[in-house]
Amino acid sequence: MMMITHPFWGTVTESWAGLTAQEPVALPGFAQPVEVFLGEELFEEDEEYQLTAAQLDEYAATFQAFLARAPRLLLALKAQAFARYQQFYAAHYADPAQSGAPALLLTTPEEHVAYMQDLGYVRITDEQTLRLSIRYKLDAEHGLEAKFVANSLVELAGIAET
C-alpha cells in the first residue's frame, strides 16, 4: 500500500477510488468539503500506484490554479449544466405524470444549481486535468462530472464518462 507525504497534500494514502489527500478540500459554491483523489484510478488488480513528488507538485499547482479561477469556472459549469438539463431532463421534470413529482419548471442556471450541490469528490490527474464528480439530484443513476483542463471546462457528462 502506497503512502507518501507531500507539503501541500499532507499524507497521501490509498482509499476506495485511488490515492487521496490527507484532508478534504472546500470548493467555492459547494457547502461541504470533499475528498481529493490524486492521479488516475487503477482498475487492474496487479497495477500499483506510482505517484512521484513531481506529479504531486503538479497536481497541487493544478488545484491552486483552479481555485484562483473558481468563480469564472463555476459560472461556466452552471451554464453548461443548465443547458444539459434543458436538453436531457427538462421535458421529463416538467410533466408530473412522467416524473412522479410536481413540475420543476426551472428557468435559470441559478435555480438549477440547487440540484447539483452534492459534490462527491475531486480527481486531479496529469496535464492540468481536474474533474468534479457531482451527485446530481435530477439523475442519481449517472450523476454529473465536469472535466476541466488547463482551467477550461472541456466536458460535462455522467460520472466516469469524461
Protein backbone atom coordinates (compact mmCIF):
# COMPACT_ATOMS: atom_id res chain seq x y z
CA MET A 1 0.00 0.00 0.00
CA MET A 2 1.43 3.33 -1.08
CA MET A 3 1.83 6.22 1.34
CA ILE A 4 3.73 9.44 0.68
CA THR A 5 3.89 12.77 2.48
CA HIS A 6 3.69 16.00 0.49
CA PRO A 7 3.91 19.62 1.70
CA PHE A 8 0.58 20.61 0.10
CA TRP A 9 -1.43 17.37 0.20
CA GLY A 10 -0.22 16.03 3.54
CA THR A 11 -0.15 12.25 3.84
CA VAL A 12 -1.33 10.67 0.60
CA THR A 13 -2.77 7.18 1.06
CA GLU A 14 -4.80 4.60 -0.83
CA SER A 15 -8.56 4.90 -0.49
CA TRP A 16 -11.63 3.38 -2.14
CA ALA A 17 -11.03 5.08 -5.52
CA GLY A 18 -7.29 5.67 -5.62
CA LEU A 19 -4.75 7.82 -3.85
CA THR A 20 -6.26 10.53 -1.72
CA ALA A 21 -5.04 13.66 0.02
CA GLN A 22 -4.98 13.69 3.81
CA GLU A 23 -7.63 16.40 4.23
CA PRO A 24 -10.84 17.07 2.31
CA VAL A 25 -10.91 20.36 0.38
CA ALA A 26 -13.51 23.10 0.27
CA LEU A 27 -14.55 24.46 -3.11
CA PRO A 28 -16.35 27.76 -3.62
CA GLY A 29 -20.00 27.19 -4.47
CA PHE A 30 -20.26 23.87 -2.62
CA ALA A 31 -21.25 23.56 1.03
CA GLN A 32 -19.26 20.51 2.13
CA PRO A 33 -15.52 19.80 1.85
CA VAL A 34 -14.80 16.75 -0.32
CA GLU A 35 -12.19 14.08 -0.80
CA VAL A 36 -9.48 14.72 -3.41
CA PHE A 37 -8.12 11.83 -5.45
CA LEU A 38 -4.69 12.26 -6.98
CA GLY A 39 -3.92 10.51 -10.25
CA GLU A 40 -5.96 8.03 -12.21
CA GLU A 41 -7.99 5.29 -10.61
CA LEU A 42 -6.49 1.85 -11.22
CA PHE A 43 -8.82 -0.94 -12.28
CA GLU A 44 -6.48 -3.90 -12.71
CA GLU A 45 -5.67 -5.96 -9.64
CA ASP A 46 -1.95 -6.20 -10.41
CA GLU A 47 -1.44 -2.45 -11.01
CA GLU A 48 0.22 -0.31 -8.37
CA TYR A 49 0.16 3.43 -7.81
CA GLN A 50 3.39 5.15 -8.78
CA LEU A 51 2.90 8.85 -7.99
CA THR A 52 6.05 10.93 -7.76
CA ALA A 53 6.71 14.07 -5.74
CA ALA A 54 6.87 15.98 -9.05
CA GLN A 55 3.38 14.74 -10.00
CA LEU A 56 2.04 15.74 -6.59
CA ASP A 57 3.59 19.20 -7.08
CA GLU A 58 1.90 19.41 -10.49
CA TYR A 59 -1.46 18.36 -9.00
CA ALA A 60 -1.09 21.00 -6.27
CA ALA A 61 -0.42 23.66 -8.93
CA THR A 62 -3.45 22.45 -10.94
CA PHE A 63 -5.68 22.65 -7.87
CA GLN A 64 -4.41 26.08 -6.78
CA ALA A 65 -4.87 27.45 -10.32
CA PHE A 66 -8.42 26.04 -10.36
CA LEU A 67 -9.22 27.69 -7.02
CA ALA A 68 -7.85 31.03 -8.24
CA ARG A 69 -10.26 30.90 -11.21
CA ALA A 70 -13.13 29.08 -9.47
CA PRO A 71 -15.74 31.86 -9.72
CA ARG A 72 -15.39 32.06 -13.52
CA LEU A 73 -15.11 28.28 -13.93
CA LEU A 74 -18.16 27.61 -11.77
CA LEU A 75 -20.19 30.12 -13.82
CA ALA A 76 -19.28 28.11 -16.93
CA LEU A 77 -20.23 24.89 -15.10
CA LYS A 78 -23.61 26.34 -14.04
CA ALA A 79 -24.36 27.50 -17.59
CA GLN A 80 -23.37 24.22 -19.27
CA ALA A 81 -25.13 22.10 -16.64
CA PHE A 82 -28.32 24.10 -17.13
CA ALA A 83 -28.06 23.67 -20.92
CA ARG A 84 -27.63 19.92 -20.36
CA TYR A 85 -30.68 19.92 -18.07
CA GLN A 86 -32.74 21.69 -20.73
CA GLN A 87 -31.60 19.24 -23.41
CA PHE A 88 -32.00 15.97 -21.50
CA TYR A 89 -34.18 16.45 -18.41
CA ALA A 90 -36.48 19.49 -18.62
CA ALA A 91 -39.30 17.77 -20.53
CA HIS A 92 -39.32 14.88 -18.07
CA TYR A 93 -39.36 17.12 -14.99
CA ALA A 94 -41.97 19.49 -16.48
CA ASP A 95 -44.50 16.65 -16.69
CA PRO A 96 -45.70 15.36 -13.29
CA ALA A 97 -47.06 12.21 -14.99
CA GLN A 98 -43.52 11.32 -16.15
CA SER A 99 -41.52 12.44 -13.14
CA GLY A 100 -43.97 11.50 -10.41
CA ALA A 101 -43.37 14.88 -8.76
CA PRO A 102 -44.63 18.43 -9.17
CA ALA A 103 -43.28 20.17 -12.28
CA LEU A 104 -39.90 21.82 -11.70
CA LEU A 105 -40.11 24.47 -14.40
CA LEU A 106 -36.51 25.61 -13.89
CA THR A 107 -35.78 28.70 -15.98
CA THR A 108 -32.29 29.81 -14.92
CA PRO A 109 -28.91 28.27 -14.11
CA GLU A 110 -29.24 29.71 -10.59
CA GLU A 111 -32.46 27.74 -9.97
CA HIS A 112 -30.89 24.59 -11.41
CA VAL A 113 -27.67 24.72 -9.38
CA ALA A 114 -29.59 23.70 -6.24
CA TYR A 115 -29.84 20.19 -7.75
CA MET A 116 -26.08 19.83 -8.14
CA GLN A 117 -24.79 20.82 -4.71
CA ASP A 118 -23.74 17.35 -3.53
CA LEU A 119 -20.14 17.16 -4.67
CA GLY A 120 -18.90 13.57 -4.45
CA TYR A 121 -15.17 14.11 -4.94
CA VAL A 122 -12.47 15.87 -6.93
CA ARG A 123 -9.94 13.97 -9.04
CA ILE A 124 -6.76 15.64 -10.27
CA THR A 125 -4.69 13.97 -12.98
CA ASP A 126 -1.85 14.80 -15.34
CA GLU A 127 -1.88 17.61 -17.89
CA GLN A 128 -3.69 20.10 -15.61
CA THR A 129 -6.86 18.00 -15.53
CA LEU A 130 -9.38 18.30 -12.71
CA ARG A 131 -12.73 16.50 -12.53
CA LEU A 132 -15.65 17.34 -10.25
CA SER A 133 -17.94 14.37 -9.64
CA ILE A 134 -21.37 15.56 -8.57
CA ARG A 135 -24.24 13.54 -7.14
CA TYR A 136 -26.89 15.12 -9.37
CA LYS A 137 -30.34 15.08 -7.77
CA LEU A 138 -32.08 15.01 -11.16
CA ASP A 139 -30.16 11.93 -12.36
CA ALA A 140 -28.97 9.93 -9.37
CA GLU A 141 -28.01 6.99 -11.57
CA HIS A 142 -25.49 8.85 -13.76
CA GLY A 143 -24.63 11.94 -11.76
CA LEU A 144 -22.68 14.76 -13.36
CA GLU A 145 -18.97 15.02 -13.99
CA ALA A 146 -17.26 18.20 -15.11
CA LYS A 147 -13.82 17.91 -16.68
CA PHE A 148 -11.57 20.97 -16.59
CA VAL A 149 -8.27 21.05 -18.50
CA ALA A 150 -5.91 23.99 -18.04
CA ASN A 151 -8.74 25.89 -16.33
CA SER A 152 -11.28 25.46 -19.10
CA LEU A 153 -14.45 23.38 -18.83
CA VAL A 154 -13.96 20.92 -21.69
CA GLU A 155 -16.61 18.27 -20.99
CA LEU A 156 -19.75 17.70 -18.95
CA ALA A 157 -21.29 14.22 -18.82
CA GLY A 158 -22.23 11.47 -16.41
CA ILE A 159 -19.75 10.33 -13.76
CA ALA A 160 -16.85 8.35 -15.28
CA GLU A 161 -17.88 9.44 -18.80
CA THR A 162 -15.44 12.34 -19.22
